[in-house]
Amino acid sequence: MLVPATAHAAPAADVTGRTPGRTVTLPVRDALAALPVRDEDRTGYERTKFKHWVDADKDGCTTRAEVLKAEAVIAPEQGARCALSGGEWYSPYDDRYITGPSGLDIDHLVPLAEAWDSGASAWSSAERQSYANDLGDARALIAVSAASNRSKADQDPATWLPPAAGYRCQYVTDWVADKTRWGLSIDSGEEAALSKILSHCPNVPISVTLAR
């Protein structure tokens, strides 16, 4: 479904009237405009409320391993119990190649704490587990250098952007897509930062399959 560029409050990207499994397509700036703006609240947050990494398909490989296998530029060797060794990955946050899985973190593009602040505090445990292990959208989880992921921590684009400036348009576009997918809100500082960055980026269409 193609939503006209003028439909800034398109129901397809609103938190009300959402249909899980529905795919919506609209320009990224319109998707940003459709996200609800609300104050954030971290009351009650604990990382353990987002169970990860799980082996959802019971093939012996956890979500972390699945992402590593999918994103490797040189495939690692897989041993018993999905132990990975060797291989090479590209970390777009800091424009680096990483050899071996030990130097990598799997980043939740929208951090777990940020998701909690933005609506996940009201979700069921099963929904939070699905979010924390989201293999249904390649933008949700990304293998990056441990250093860049730990520098980011739980920050949103108002206070942290990838050191690799050439990746920032992709980063904020994917951020909007991930929040749209999960029906999450943004706060006013986040909205201002995203709007400023996207004003210098191509207004590309994003396609998102709604998760909830």
N, C-alpha and C. Protein backbone atom coordinates (compact mmCIF):
# COMPACT_ATOMS: atom_id res chain seq x y z
N MET A 1 0.85 -1.19 0.00
CA MET A 1 0.00 0.00 0.00
C MET A 1 0.87 1.22 0.00
N LEU A 2 0.66 2.12 -0.90
CA LEU A 2 1.42 3.35 -1.00
C LEU A 2 0.60 4.47 -0.40
N VAL A 3 1.13 5.10 0.62
CA VAL A 3 0.43 6.20 1.27
C VAL A 3 0.90 7.49 0.64
N PRO A 4 0.00 8.37 0.18
CA PRO A 4 0.41 9.62 -0.44
C PRO A 4 1.29 10.44 0.48
N ALA A 5 2.21 11.17 -0.13
CA ALA A 5 3.17 11.94 0.65
C ALA A 5 2.50 13.00 1.51
N THR A 6 1.27 13.40 1.18
CA THR A 6 0.58 14.43 1.95
C THR A 6 -0.11 13.88 3.18
N ALA A 7 -0.15 12.55 3.32
CA ALA A 7 -0.90 11.95 4.42
C ALA A 7 -0.05 11.88 5.67
N HIS A 8 0.17 13.03 6.32
CA HIS A 8 1.09 13.09 7.45
C HIS A 8 0.58 12.33 8.66
N ALA A 9 -0.72 12.12 8.76
CA ALA A 9 -1.27 11.39 9.90
C ALA A 9 -1.87 10.08 9.43
N ALA A 10 -1.20 9.45 8.50
CA ALA A 10 -1.73 8.24 7.89
C ALA A 10 -2.05 7.19 8.94
N PRO A 11 -3.28 6.68 8.97
CA PRO A 11 -3.64 5.67 9.96
C PRO A 11 -2.73 4.45 9.92
N ALA A 12 -2.15 4.15 8.75
CA ALA A 12 -1.30 2.97 8.62
C ALA A 12 -0.09 3.04 9.55
N ALA A 13 0.37 4.26 9.86
CA ALA A 13 1.54 4.39 10.70
C ALA A 13 1.20 4.91 12.09
N ASP A 14 -0.08 5.05 12.40
CA ASP A 14 -0.52 5.52 13.70
C ASP A 14 -0.57 4.35 14.67
N VAL A 15 -0.53 4.66 15.97
CA VAL A 15 -0.59 3.59 16.95
C VAL A 15 -2.01 3.07 17.12
N THR A 16 -3.01 3.81 16.69
CA THR A 16 -4.38 3.34 16.80
C THR A 16 -4.80 2.71 15.48
N GLY A 17 -5.63 1.70 15.56
CA GLY A 17 -6.12 1.05 14.36
C GLY A 17 -5.07 0.26 13.61
N ARG A 18 -4.03 -0.19 14.31
CA ARG A 18 -2.95 -0.93 13.66
C ARG A 18 -3.34 -2.40 13.51
N THR A 19 -2.90 -3.00 12.40
CA THR A 19 -3.15 -4.41 12.15
C THR A 19 -1.81 -5.12 12.00
N PRO A 20 -1.45 -5.97 12.97
CA PRO A 20 -0.18 -6.70 12.85
C PRO A 20 -0.12 -7.50 11.55
N GLY A 21 1.04 -7.45 10.91
CA GLY A 21 1.21 -8.15 9.64
C GLY A 21 0.93 -7.29 8.43
N ARG A 22 0.32 -6.16 8.63
CA ARG A 22 0.05 -5.23 7.52
C ARG A 22 1.32 -4.52 7.11
N THR A 23 1.59 -4.42 5.84
CA THR A 23 2.76 -3.71 5.34
C THR A 23 2.35 -2.34 4.83
N VAL A 24 3.03 -1.32 5.32
CA VAL A 24 2.76 0.04 4.90
C VAL A 24 4.02 0.62 4.25
N THR A 25 3.83 1.51 3.29
CA THR A 25 4.93 2.17 2.61
C THR A 25 4.64 3.66 2.54
N LEU A 26 5.58 4.46 2.99
CA LEU A 26 5.41 5.90 2.93
C LEU A 26 6.77 6.58 3.07
N PRO A 27 6.89 7.83 2.59
CA PRO A 27 8.17 8.54 2.71
C PRO A 27 8.57 8.66 4.17
N VAL A 28 9.86 8.62 4.42
CA VAL A 28 10.34 8.56 5.80
C VAL A 28 9.93 9.80 6.59
N ARG A 29 9.90 10.96 5.97
CA ARG A 29 9.51 12.16 6.72
C ARG A 29 8.04 12.10 7.10
N ASP A 30 7.21 11.50 6.25
CA ASP A 30 5.80 11.32 6.60
C ASP A 30 5.65 10.28 7.71
N ALA A 31 6.48 9.24 7.67
CA ALA A 31 6.45 8.24 8.74
C ALA A 31 6.83 8.89 10.07
N LEU A 32 7.83 9.77 10.05
CA LEU A 32 8.21 10.49 11.26
C LEU A 32 7.06 11.35 11.76
N ALA A 33 6.41 12.06 10.85
CA ALA A 33 5.30 12.93 11.24
C ALA A 33 4.13 12.15 11.82
N ALA A 34 4.00 10.88 11.46
CA ALA A 34 2.89 10.06 11.93
C ALA A 34 3.15 9.45 13.30
N LEU A 35 4.40 9.47 13.77
CA LEU A 35 4.70 8.89 15.08
C LEU A 35 4.15 9.78 16.19
N PRO A 36 3.50 9.20 17.18
CA PRO A 36 2.99 10.02 18.29
C PRO A 36 4.13 10.59 19.12
N VAL A 37 3.97 11.84 19.55
CA VAL A 37 4.99 12.51 20.36
C VAL A 37 4.50 12.52 21.80
N ARG A 38 5.28 11.88 22.68
CA ARG A 38 4.91 11.77 24.09
C ARG A 38 6.16 11.87 24.96
N ASP A 39 5.98 12.30 26.19
CA ASP A 39 7.08 12.28 27.14
C ASP A 39 7.46 10.84 27.45
N GLU A 40 8.73 10.63 27.73
CA GLU A 40 9.21 9.28 28.04
C GLU A 40 9.18 9.03 29.54
N ASP A 41 9.03 7.77 29.90
CA ASP A 41 8.98 7.38 31.31
C ASP A 41 9.68 6.04 31.48
N ARG A 42 10.77 6.04 32.24
CA ARG A 42 11.55 4.81 32.43
C ARG A 42 11.19 4.08 33.72
N THR A 43 10.16 4.51 34.37
CA THR A 43 9.75 3.88 35.63
C THR A 43 9.56 2.37 35.45
N GLY A 44 10.23 1.58 36.29
CA GLY A 44 10.05 0.14 36.28
C GLY A 44 10.89 -0.62 35.28
N TYR A 45 11.72 0.08 34.51
CA TYR A 45 12.50 -0.61 33.48
C TYR A 45 13.57 -1.51 34.09
N GLU A 46 13.64 -2.72 33.57
CA GLU A 46 14.74 -3.64 33.83
C GLU A 46 15.02 -4.38 32.53
N ARG A 47 16.28 -4.49 32.21
CA ARG A 47 16.66 -5.14 30.95
C ARG A 47 16.14 -6.58 30.88
N THR A 48 16.03 -7.23 32.04
CA THR A 48 15.57 -8.61 32.08
C THR A 48 14.11 -8.76 31.67
N LYS A 49 13.40 -7.66 31.57
CA LYS A 49 12.00 -7.73 31.13
C LYS A 49 11.88 -7.95 29.62
N PHE A 50 13.02 -7.90 28.92
CA PHE A 50 13.08 -8.19 27.49
C PHE A 50 13.93 -9.46 27.33
N LYS A 51 13.35 -10.61 27.37
CA LYS A 51 14.11 -11.86 27.32
C LYS A 51 14.82 -12.02 25.97
N HIS A 52 16.14 -12.21 26.03
CA HIS A 52 16.95 -12.43 24.83
C HIS A 52 18.27 -13.06 25.30
N TRP A 53 19.06 -13.69 24.52
CA TRP A 53 18.76 -14.08 23.15
C TRP A 53 18.12 -15.47 23.16
N VAL A 54 17.04 -15.63 22.44
CA VAL A 54 16.33 -16.90 22.43
C VAL A 54 16.60 -17.65 21.12
N ASP A 55 16.22 -18.90 21.10
CA ASP A 55 16.33 -19.73 19.89
C ASP A 55 14.90 -20.01 19.42
N ALA A 56 14.30 -19.04 18.75
CA ALA A 56 12.87 -19.11 18.44
C ALA A 56 12.52 -20.28 17.53
N ASP A 57 13.39 -20.60 16.58
CA ASP A 57 13.06 -21.67 15.64
C ASP A 57 13.65 -23.02 16.05
N LYS A 58 14.26 -23.07 17.24
CA LYS A 58 14.77 -24.32 17.82
C LYS A 58 15.79 -25.03 16.91
N ASP A 59 16.62 -24.23 16.22
CA ASP A 59 17.63 -24.84 15.35
C ASP A 59 19.01 -24.88 16.01
N GLY A 60 19.07 -24.51 17.29
CA GLY A 60 20.33 -24.53 18.01
C GLY A 60 21.08 -23.21 18.01
N CYS A 61 20.60 -22.24 17.22
CA CYS A 61 21.27 -20.94 17.14
C CYS A 61 20.38 -19.86 17.75
N THR A 62 20.94 -19.08 18.68
CA THR A 62 20.18 -18.00 19.29
C THR A 62 20.04 -16.83 18.30
N THR A 63 19.25 -15.86 18.69
CA THR A 63 19.07 -14.67 17.86
C THR A 63 20.41 -14.01 17.55
N ARG A 64 21.28 -13.91 18.55
CA ARG A 64 22.60 -13.30 18.31
C ARG A 64 23.34 -14.02 17.19
N ALA A 65 23.36 -15.34 17.25
CA ALA A 65 24.06 -16.12 16.23
C ALA A 65 23.39 -15.97 14.87
N GLU A 66 22.07 -15.92 14.85
CA GLU A 66 21.35 -15.76 13.58
C GLU A 66 21.72 -14.45 12.90
N VAL A 67 21.82 -13.38 13.69
CA VAL A 67 22.20 -12.08 13.12
C VAL A 67 23.64 -12.11 12.63
N LEU A 68 24.52 -12.71 13.41
CA LEU A 68 25.92 -12.81 12.99
C LEU A 68 26.04 -13.57 11.68
N LYS A 69 25.33 -14.66 11.55
CA LYS A 69 25.40 -15.45 10.31
C LYS A 69 24.82 -14.67 9.14
N ALA A 70 23.74 -13.96 9.36
CA ALA A 70 23.08 -13.24 8.27
C ALA A 70 23.89 -12.05 7.78
N GLU A 71 24.63 -11.40 8.69
CA GLU A 71 25.29 -10.14 8.34
C GLU A 71 26.79 -10.29 8.05
N ALA A 72 27.32 -11.49 8.14
CA ALA A 72 28.75 -11.68 7.89
C ALA A 72 29.09 -11.37 6.44
N VAL A 73 30.21 -10.69 6.22
CA VAL A 73 30.71 -10.47 4.86
C VAL A 73 31.62 -11.63 4.45
N ILE A 74 32.22 -12.28 5.42
CA ILE A 74 32.89 -13.57 5.23
C ILE A 74 32.30 -14.50 6.27
N ALA A 75 31.67 -15.57 5.82
CA ALA A 75 30.92 -16.43 6.73
C ALA A 75 31.82 -17.07 7.78
N PRO A 76 31.36 -17.11 9.03
CA PRO A 76 32.12 -17.80 10.06
C PRO A 76 31.93 -19.30 9.96
N GLU A 77 32.78 -20.03 10.64
CA GLU A 77 32.59 -21.47 10.77
C GLU A 77 31.64 -21.74 11.94
N GLN A 78 30.76 -22.70 11.76
CA GLN A 78 29.78 -23.03 12.78
C GLN A 78 30.07 -24.40 13.37
N GLY A 79 30.29 -24.43 14.66
CA GLY A 79 30.58 -25.68 15.33
C GLY A 79 29.40 -26.19 16.13
N ALA A 80 29.70 -27.05 17.10
CA ALA A 80 28.65 -27.62 17.94
C ALA A 80 27.92 -26.53 18.70
N ARG A 81 26.61 -26.72 18.86
CA ARG A 81 25.75 -25.77 19.57
C ARG A 81 25.83 -24.38 18.99
N CYS A 82 26.04 -24.30 17.69
CA CYS A 82 26.08 -23.04 16.94
C CYS A 82 27.21 -22.11 17.40
N ALA A 83 28.29 -22.68 17.89
CA ALA A 83 29.47 -21.87 18.22
C ALA A 83 30.09 -21.35 16.94
N LEU A 84 30.27 -20.04 16.84
CA LEU A 84 30.80 -19.42 15.62
C LEU A 84 32.25 -19.00 15.84
N SER A 85 33.07 -19.18 14.81
CA SER A 85 34.46 -18.76 14.88
C SER A 85 34.88 -18.25 13.51
N GLY A 86 35.92 -17.39 13.53
CA GLY A 86 36.38 -16.82 12.26
C GLY A 86 35.33 -15.88 11.70
N GLY A 87 35.39 -15.67 10.39
CA GLY A 87 34.45 -14.78 9.74
C GLY A 87 34.84 -13.32 9.85
N GLU A 88 34.12 -12.50 9.10
CA GLU A 88 34.38 -11.06 9.12
C GLU A 88 33.07 -10.31 8.95
N TRP A 89 32.98 -9.14 9.62
CA TRP A 89 31.78 -8.32 9.59
C TRP A 89 32.15 -6.87 9.35
N TYR A 90 31.19 -6.13 8.78
CA TYR A 90 31.36 -4.69 8.60
C TYR A 90 30.49 -3.98 9.62
N SER A 91 31.09 -3.11 10.40
CA SER A 91 30.37 -2.33 11.40
C SER A 91 30.10 -0.94 10.84
N PRO A 92 28.87 -0.67 10.37
CA PRO A 92 28.61 0.60 9.71
C PRO A 92 28.63 1.80 10.66
N TYR A 93 28.43 1.58 11.94
CA TYR A 93 28.42 2.72 12.87
C TYR A 93 29.74 3.46 12.86
N ASP A 94 30.84 2.70 12.78
CA ASP A 94 32.16 3.33 12.82
C ASP A 94 33.02 2.98 11.61
N ASP A 95 32.39 2.44 10.55
CA ASP A 95 33.07 2.18 9.28
C ASP A 95 34.31 1.32 9.48
N ARG A 96 34.10 0.15 10.13
CA ARG A 96 35.22 -0.74 10.43
C ARG A 96 34.86 -2.16 10.05
N TYR A 97 35.88 -2.92 9.71
CA TYR A 97 35.71 -4.36 9.53
C TYR A 97 36.22 -5.05 10.79
N ILE A 98 35.46 -6.03 11.24
CA ILE A 98 35.77 -6.76 12.47
C ILE A 98 35.97 -8.23 12.12
N THR A 99 37.10 -8.79 12.54
CA THR A 99 37.37 -10.21 12.31
C THR A 99 37.03 -11.00 13.57
N GLY A 100 36.22 -12.02 13.40
CA GLY A 100 35.82 -12.85 14.53
C GLY A 100 34.65 -12.26 15.28
N PRO A 101 33.77 -13.10 15.80
CA PRO A 101 32.55 -12.61 16.43
C PRO A 101 32.74 -11.97 17.80
N SER A 102 33.86 -12.20 18.45
CA SER A 102 34.02 -11.72 19.83
C SER A 102 34.06 -10.20 19.93
N GLY A 103 34.45 -9.53 18.87
CA GLY A 103 34.53 -8.07 18.90
C GLY A 103 33.23 -7.37 18.52
N LEU A 104 32.16 -8.15 18.38
CA LEU A 104 30.89 -7.60 17.92
C LEU A 104 29.83 -7.66 19.01
N ASP A 105 28.97 -6.67 19.01
CA ASP A 105 27.72 -6.70 19.75
C ASP A 105 26.58 -6.73 18.75
N ILE A 106 25.45 -7.30 19.15
CA ILE A 106 24.23 -7.18 18.36
C ILE A 106 23.43 -6.04 18.96
N ASP A 107 23.33 -4.96 18.23
CA ASP A 107 22.65 -3.76 18.71
C ASP A 107 21.16 -3.80 18.40
N HIS A 108 20.35 -3.50 19.41
CA HIS A 108 18.94 -3.20 19.16
C HIS A 108 18.93 -1.76 18.64
N LEU A 109 18.57 -1.59 17.38
CA LEU A 109 18.63 -0.26 16.78
C LEU A 109 17.94 0.76 17.69
N VAL A 110 16.70 0.48 18.06
CA VAL A 110 16.04 1.25 19.12
C VAL A 110 16.28 0.47 20.40
N PRO A 111 17.11 1.00 21.31
CA PRO A 111 17.52 0.23 22.49
C PRO A 111 16.33 -0.22 23.33
N LEU A 112 16.56 -1.28 24.10
CA LEU A 112 15.49 -1.84 24.92
C LEU A 112 14.94 -0.80 25.89
N ALA A 113 15.81 -0.04 26.52
CA ALA A 113 15.34 0.99 27.46
C ALA A 113 14.54 2.06 26.74
N GLU A 114 14.98 2.44 25.55
CA GLU A 114 14.25 3.43 24.75
C GLU A 114 12.88 2.89 24.34
N ALA A 115 12.82 1.61 23.99
CA ALA A 115 11.54 1.00 23.65
C ALA A 115 10.60 1.03 24.86
N TRP A 116 11.15 0.71 26.03
CA TRP A 116 10.35 0.74 27.26
C TRP A 116 9.77 2.15 27.48
N ASP A 117 10.63 3.14 27.35
CA ASP A 117 10.21 4.54 27.53
C ASP A 117 9.12 4.94 26.55
N SER A 118 9.12 4.31 25.38
CA SER A 118 8.29 4.75 24.25
C SER A 118 7.03 3.92 24.06
N GLY A 119 6.73 3.05 25.02
CA GLY A 119 5.50 2.29 24.92
C GLY A 119 5.58 0.84 25.33
N ALA A 120 6.78 0.25 25.31
CA ALA A 120 6.91 -1.18 25.60
C ALA A 120 6.65 -1.52 27.07
N SER A 121 6.62 -0.51 27.93
CA SER A 121 6.30 -0.77 29.34
C SER A 121 4.89 -1.33 29.49
N ALA A 122 4.02 -1.06 28.52
CA ALA A 122 2.64 -1.54 28.58
C ALA A 122 2.44 -2.86 27.85
N TRP A 123 3.51 -3.41 27.26
CA TRP A 123 3.39 -4.65 26.49
C TRP A 123 3.41 -5.86 27.42
N SER A 124 3.00 -6.99 26.85
CA SER A 124 3.13 -8.27 27.55
C SER A 124 4.58 -8.73 27.49
N SER A 125 4.92 -9.69 28.34
CA SER A 125 6.27 -10.27 28.31
C SER A 125 6.58 -10.89 26.96
N ALA A 126 5.57 -11.52 26.35
CA ALA A 126 5.77 -12.16 25.04
C ALA A 126 6.08 -11.12 23.97
N GLU A 127 5.40 -9.97 24.02
CA GLU A 127 5.66 -8.91 23.04
C GLU A 127 7.06 -8.35 23.23
N ARG A 128 7.47 -8.18 24.47
CA ARG A 128 8.82 -7.65 24.70
C ARG A 128 9.88 -8.65 24.24
N GLN A 129 9.62 -9.94 24.44
CA GLN A 129 10.56 -10.95 23.94
C GLN A 129 10.64 -10.90 22.42
N SER A 130 9.50 -10.76 21.77
CA SER A 130 9.49 -10.67 20.30
C SER A 130 10.28 -9.46 19.82
N TYR A 131 10.11 -8.34 20.53
CA TYR A 131 10.85 -7.13 20.16
C TYR A 131 12.36 -7.35 20.31
N ALA A 132 12.75 -7.94 21.42
CA ALA A 132 14.18 -8.10 21.72
C ALA A 132 14.86 -9.09 20.79
N ASN A 133 14.08 -9.91 20.10
CA ASN A 133 14.63 -10.95 19.21
C ASN A 133 14.06 -10.81 17.80
N ASP A 134 13.83 -9.59 17.36
CA ASP A 134 13.13 -9.34 16.10
C ASP A 134 13.99 -9.66 14.88
N LEU A 135 13.74 -10.85 14.32
CA LEU A 135 14.42 -11.23 13.07
C LEU A 135 13.52 -11.00 11.86
N GLY A 136 12.36 -10.40 12.09
CA GLY A 136 11.41 -10.19 11.00
C GLY A 136 11.66 -8.94 10.19
N ASP A 137 12.58 -8.10 10.64
CA ASP A 137 12.94 -6.89 9.91
C ASP A 137 14.44 -6.69 10.09
N ALA A 138 15.15 -6.67 8.99
CA ALA A 138 16.62 -6.62 9.04
C ALA A 138 17.15 -5.34 9.67
N ARG A 139 16.28 -4.34 9.83
CA ARG A 139 16.73 -3.07 10.42
C ARG A 139 16.76 -3.11 11.95
N ALA A 140 16.08 -4.08 12.54
CA ALA A 140 15.86 -4.06 13.99
C ALA A 140 17.12 -4.41 14.78
N LEU A 141 17.89 -5.36 14.30
CA LEU A 141 19.09 -5.85 14.98
C LEU A 141 20.26 -5.75 14.03
N ILE A 142 21.39 -5.28 14.52
CA ILE A 142 22.52 -5.06 13.63
C ILE A 142 23.82 -5.38 14.35
N ALA A 143 24.69 -6.13 13.67
CA ALA A 143 26.00 -6.46 14.22
C ALA A 143 26.94 -5.27 14.03
N VAL A 144 27.46 -4.77 15.14
CA VAL A 144 28.36 -3.61 15.10
C VAL A 144 29.51 -3.84 16.07
N SER A 145 30.53 -3.01 15.98
CA SER A 145 31.65 -3.15 16.90
C SER A 145 31.16 -2.94 18.33
N ALA A 146 31.73 -3.72 19.23
CA ALA A 146 31.35 -3.59 20.64
C ALA A 146 31.59 -2.17 21.14
N ALA A 147 32.65 -1.54 20.67
CA ALA A 147 32.97 -0.19 21.13
C ALA A 147 31.89 0.80 20.74
N SER A 148 31.40 0.72 19.49
CA SER A 148 30.38 1.67 19.06
C SER A 148 29.05 1.41 19.76
N ASN A 149 28.73 0.15 19.97
CA ASN A 149 27.47 -0.17 20.63
C ASN A 149 27.48 0.31 22.08
N ARG A 150 28.58 0.17 22.75
CA ARG A 150 28.65 0.58 24.15
C ARG A 150 28.74 2.09 24.30
N SER A 151 29.27 2.76 23.27
CA SER A 151 29.23 4.21 23.24
C SER A 151 27.78 4.71 23.10
N LYS A 152 27.01 4.02 22.28
CA LYS A 152 25.60 4.38 22.08
C LYS A 152 24.78 4.10 23.32
N ALA A 153 24.98 2.93 23.94
CA ALA A 153 24.21 2.50 25.11
C ALA A 153 22.72 2.60 24.82
N ASP A 154 21.96 3.35 25.65
CA ASP A 154 20.51 3.42 25.45
C ASP A 154 20.06 4.79 24.92
N GLN A 155 20.97 5.48 24.24
CA GLN A 155 20.67 6.83 23.77
C GLN A 155 19.86 6.82 22.48
N ASP A 156 19.07 7.88 22.29
CA ASP A 156 18.35 8.06 21.03
C ASP A 156 19.11 9.08 20.18
N PRO A 157 18.65 9.37 18.95
CA PRO A 157 19.41 10.24 18.06
C PRO A 157 19.57 11.68 18.52
N ALA A 158 18.87 12.08 19.58
CA ALA A 158 19.05 13.42 20.11
C ALA A 158 20.41 13.58 20.79
N THR A 159 20.96 12.46 21.27
CA THR A 159 22.23 12.53 22.00
C THR A 159 23.32 11.62 21.44
N TRP A 160 22.98 10.75 20.48
CA TRP A 160 24.00 9.87 19.89
C TRP A 160 23.66 9.57 18.44
N LEU A 161 24.70 9.70 17.61
CA LEU A 161 24.61 9.30 16.20
C LEU A 161 25.87 8.50 15.86
N PRO A 162 25.80 7.63 14.87
CA PRO A 162 26.99 6.86 14.50
C PRO A 162 28.19 7.76 14.20
N PRO A 163 29.37 7.42 14.67
CA PRO A 163 30.56 8.21 14.34
C PRO A 163 30.79 8.34 12.85
N ALA A 164 30.41 7.31 12.08
CA ALA A 164 30.56 7.37 10.62
C ALA A 164 29.45 8.25 10.06
N ALA A 165 29.79 9.50 9.73
CA ALA A 165 28.79 10.48 9.31
C ALA A 165 28.01 10.02 8.08
N GLY A 166 28.67 9.27 7.20
CA GLY A 166 28.02 8.83 5.98
C GLY A 166 26.91 7.82 6.20
N TYR A 167 26.82 7.29 7.41
CA TYR A 167 25.78 6.30 7.73
C TYR A 167 24.59 6.93 8.45
N ARG A 168 24.67 8.18 8.80
CA ARG A 168 23.65 8.76 9.67
C ARG A 168 22.27 8.85 9.03
N CYS A 169 22.20 9.14 7.74
CA CYS A 169 20.88 9.17 7.08
C CYS A 169 20.22 7.80 7.14
N GLN A 170 21.01 6.75 6.88
CA GLN A 170 20.47 5.39 6.95
C GLN A 170 20.04 5.06 8.38
N TYR A 171 20.83 5.48 9.34
CA TYR A 171 20.55 5.19 10.74
C TYR A 171 19.22 5.79 11.18
N VAL A 172 19.02 7.06 10.92
CA VAL A 172 17.78 7.69 11.39
C VAL A 172 16.57 7.22 10.58
N THR A 173 16.77 6.91 9.30
CA THR A 173 15.68 6.35 8.49
C THR A 173 15.25 5.01 9.06
N ASP A 174 16.22 4.18 9.40
CA ASP A 174 15.91 2.87 9.99
C ASP A 174 15.29 3.03 11.38
N TRP A 175 15.71 4.04 12.12
CA TRP A 175 15.14 4.30 13.44
C TRP A 175 13.64 4.58 13.32
N VAL A 176 13.28 5.44 12.38
CA VAL A 176 11.87 5.76 12.16
C VAL A 176 11.10 4.51 11.74
N ALA A 177 11.71 3.70 10.88
CA ALA A 177 11.05 2.47 10.42
C ALA A 177 10.82 1.53 11.59
N ASP A 178 11.79 1.38 12.48
CA ASP A 178 11.66 0.46 13.60
C ASP A 178 10.58 0.93 14.57
N LYS A 179 10.55 2.23 14.83
CA LYS A 179 9.51 2.75 15.72
C LYS A 179 8.13 2.61 15.09
N THR A 180 8.05 2.78 13.78
CA THR A 180 6.78 2.58 13.08
C THR A 180 6.35 1.12 13.17
N ARG A 181 7.29 0.21 12.96
CA ARG A 181 6.98 -1.22 12.99
C ARG A 181 6.35 -1.63 14.32
N TRP A 182 6.87 -1.09 15.40
CA TRP A 182 6.44 -1.52 16.72
C TRP A 182 5.46 -0.57 17.39
N GLY A 183 5.04 0.48 16.70
CA GLY A 183 4.06 1.40 17.26
C GLY A 183 4.57 2.17 18.45
N LEU A 184 5.85 2.55 18.42
CA LEU A 184 6.46 3.27 19.52
C LEU A 184 6.36 4.78 19.30
N SER A 185 6.37 5.52 20.39
CA SER A 185 6.30 6.97 20.31
C SER A 185 7.71 7.57 20.27
N ILE A 186 7.77 8.89 20.12
CA ILE A 186 9.01 9.64 20.20
C ILE A 186 8.78 10.80 21.17
N ASP A 187 9.87 11.28 21.78
CA ASP A 187 9.72 12.48 22.61
C ASP A 187 10.10 13.71 21.79
N SER A 188 9.89 14.88 22.36
CA SER A 188 10.07 16.11 21.58
C SER A 188 11.51 16.33 21.16
N GLY A 189 12.47 15.99 22.02
CA GLY A 189 13.88 16.14 21.65
C GLY A 189 14.27 15.21 20.54
N GLU A 190 13.77 13.99 20.62
CA GLU A 190 14.02 12.99 19.58
C GLU A 190 13.41 13.43 18.26
N GLU A 191 12.18 13.94 18.32
CA GLU A 191 11.51 14.43 17.11
C GLU A 191 12.31 15.54 16.46
N ALA A 192 12.79 16.48 17.25
CA ALA A 192 13.56 17.61 16.71
C ALA A 192 14.85 17.13 16.05
N ALA A 193 15.54 16.21 16.71
CA ALA A 193 16.79 15.69 16.16
C ALA A 193 16.56 14.92 14.86
N LEU A 194 15.54 14.06 14.85
CA LEU A 194 15.24 13.29 13.65
C LEU A 194 14.83 14.20 12.50
N SER A 195 14.01 15.19 12.79
CA SER A 195 13.57 16.13 11.74
C SER A 195 14.75 16.89 11.15
N LYS A 196 15.66 17.34 12.02
CA LYS A 196 16.83 18.09 11.55
C LYS A 196 17.70 17.24 10.65
N ILE A 197 17.98 16.02 11.09
CA ILE A 197 18.85 15.15 10.30
C ILE A 197 18.18 14.78 8.97
N LEU A 198 16.91 14.39 9.04
CA LEU A 198 16.20 13.95 7.83
C LEU A 198 16.02 15.08 6.82
N SER A 199 16.06 16.32 7.29
CA SER A 199 15.93 17.44 6.35
C SER A 199 17.12 17.52 5.40
N HIS A 200 18.21 16.86 5.75
CA HIS A 200 19.41 16.82 4.90
C HIS A 200 19.59 15.47 4.22
N CYS A 201 18.58 14.60 4.33
CA CYS A 201 18.66 13.25 3.77
C CYS A 201 17.59 13.07 2.69
N PRO A 202 17.78 12.13 1.78
CA PRO A 202 16.73 11.82 0.80
C PRO A 202 15.46 11.36 1.52
N ASN A 203 14.32 11.84 1.05
CA ASN A 203 13.03 11.47 1.64
C ASN A 203 12.59 10.14 1.04
N VAL A 204 13.34 9.10 1.35
CA VAL A 204 13.13 7.79 0.72
C VAL A 204 11.87 7.14 1.28
N PRO A 205 11.19 6.32 0.46
CA PRO A 205 10.07 5.56 1.00
C PRO A 205 10.58 4.41 1.85
N ILE A 206 9.89 4.16 2.94
CA ILE A 206 10.19 3.01 3.78
C ILE A 206 8.99 2.07 3.76
N SER A 207 9.26 0.78 3.68
CA SER A 207 8.22 -0.24 3.78
C SER A 207 8.39 -0.95 5.12
N VAL A 208 7.31 -1.04 5.85
CA VAL A 208 7.34 -1.60 7.18
C VAL A 208 6.18 -2.57 7.36
N THR A 209 6.48 -3.77 7.84
CA THR A 209 5.44 -4.71 8.23
C THR A 209 5.19 -4.53 9.72
N LEU A 210 3.98 -4.14 10.07
CA LEU A 210 3.66 -3.83 11.45
C LEU A 210 3.74 -5.09 12.31
N ALA A 211 4.47 -4.99 13.42
CA ALA A 211 4.65 -6.13 14.31
C ALA A 211 3.54 -6.21 15.36
N ARG A 212 2.90 -5.10 15.61
CA ARG A 212 1.84 -5.08 16.64
C ARG A 212 0.92 -3.87 16.38
